[in-house]
Amino acid sequence: MKTKRKNDMFVQFGQAVRKYRMGQGWSQEKLAEQAGLHRTYVADIERGVRNVSLRNLDKLAKALKITLCDLFAGISVGVRK
């Protein structure tokens, strides 16, 4: 089992989702409801333990009224050296 690292892309993505959710003043339950997802799924995303599908990325962005690019802004991923 892998340990979570702050630079892990899943953790970074989860932090971004949480930031936008909190910016709306929403609970995880409210975001899940707005996106048509389960609350525990949203919680798993925010903890960085979910590999989110493109379909669910779109649902999250639409619910938060942001672009997919917004969700990934500031996330550093890429080729490892």
Protein backbone atom coordinates (compact mmCIF):
# COMPACT_ATOMS: atom_id res chain seq x y z
CA MET A 1 0.00 0.00 0.00
CA LYS A 2 1.34 3.41 -0.95
CA THR A 3 1.63 6.13 1.62
CA LYS A 4 0.12 9.53 0.93
CA ARG A 5 2.56 12.25 0.03
CA LYS A 6 1.76 15.94 -0.12
CA ASN A 7 3.02 16.10 -3.71
CA ASP A 8 0.96 13.10 -4.84
CA MET A 9 -1.35 14.20 -7.64
CA PHE A 10 -4.38 12.55 -6.02
CA VAL A 11 -3.75 14.41 -2.77
CA GLN A 12 -3.20 17.69 -4.62
CA PHE A 13 -6.39 17.18 -6.61
CA GLY A 14 -8.33 16.40 -3.43
CA GLN A 15 -7.04 19.58 -1.85
CA ALA A 16 -8.20 21.55 -4.89
CA VAL A 17 -11.69 20.03 -4.73
CA ARG A 18 -11.88 20.82 -1.02
CA LYS A 19 -10.76 24.43 -1.63
CA TYR A 20 -13.47 25.01 -4.24
CA ARG A 21 -16.10 23.21 -2.15
CA MET A 22 -15.28 25.29 0.90
CA GLY A 23 -15.33 28.41 -1.27
CA GLN A 24 -18.95 27.62 -2.02
CA GLY A 25 -19.61 27.13 1.69
CA TRP A 26 -20.71 23.56 0.98
CA SER A 27 -20.40 20.37 2.97
CA GLN A 28 -19.13 17.24 1.25
CA GLU A 29 -22.73 16.06 1.27
CA LYS A 30 -23.90 19.19 -0.56
CA LEU A 31 -21.19 18.85 -3.24
CA ALA A 32 -22.04 15.18 -3.66
CA GLU A 33 -25.72 16.04 -4.07
CA GLN A 34 -24.99 18.79 -6.61
CA ALA A 35 -22.64 16.53 -8.60
CA GLY A 36 -24.80 13.41 -8.44
CA LEU A 37 -22.14 11.51 -6.49
CA HIS A 38 -22.08 9.77 -3.11
CA ARG A 39 -20.77 11.68 -0.09
CA THR A 40 -18.20 9.01 0.74
CA TYR A 41 -16.90 9.22 -2.84
CA VAL A 42 -16.36 12.97 -2.44
CA ALA A 43 -14.66 12.34 0.91
CA ASP A 44 -12.35 9.80 -0.73
CA ILE A 45 -11.49 12.30 -3.49
CA GLU A 46 -10.61 14.95 -0.93
CA ARG A 47 -8.43 12.49 0.99
CA GLY A 48 -6.57 11.63 -2.22
CA VAL A 49 -7.53 7.97 -2.30
CA ARG A 50 -9.72 8.00 -5.43
CA ASN A 51 -8.68 7.92 -9.07
CA VAL A 52 -11.53 10.00 -10.45
CA SER A 53 -12.99 9.22 -13.88
CA LEU A 54 -13.33 11.85 -16.59
CA ARG A 55 -17.11 11.67 -16.26
CA ASN A 56 -16.93 12.41 -12.53
CA LEU A 57 -14.36 15.18 -13.06
CA ASP A 58 -16.90 16.82 -15.34
CA LYS A 59 -19.67 16.39 -12.75
CA LEU A 60 -17.53 17.98 -10.05
CA ALA A 61 -16.53 20.94 -12.22
CA LYS A 62 -20.11 21.59 -13.31
CA ALA A 63 -21.41 21.35 -9.74
CA LEU A 64 -18.74 23.80 -8.56
CA LYS A 65 -19.34 26.05 -11.60
CA ILE A 66 -15.68 25.98 -12.60
CA THR A 67 -13.71 24.57 -15.52
CA LEU A 68 -11.76 21.35 -15.51
CA CYS A 69 -8.65 23.51 -15.92
CA ASP A 70 -9.52 25.27 -12.67
CA LEU A 71 -9.60 21.92 -10.87
CA PHE A 72 -6.10 21.09 -12.07
CA ALA A 73 -4.50 24.54 -11.75
CA GLY A 74 -1.54 24.40 -9.40
CA ILE A 75 -1.25 20.62 -9.43
CA SER A 76 2.28 19.57 -10.29
CA VAL A 77 2.41 16.29 -12.15
CA GLY A 78 4.50 15.01 -14.95
CA VAL A 79 7.56 13.03 -15.81
CA ARG A 80 9.67 11.95 -12.86
CA LYS A 81 13.39 12.43 -13.09
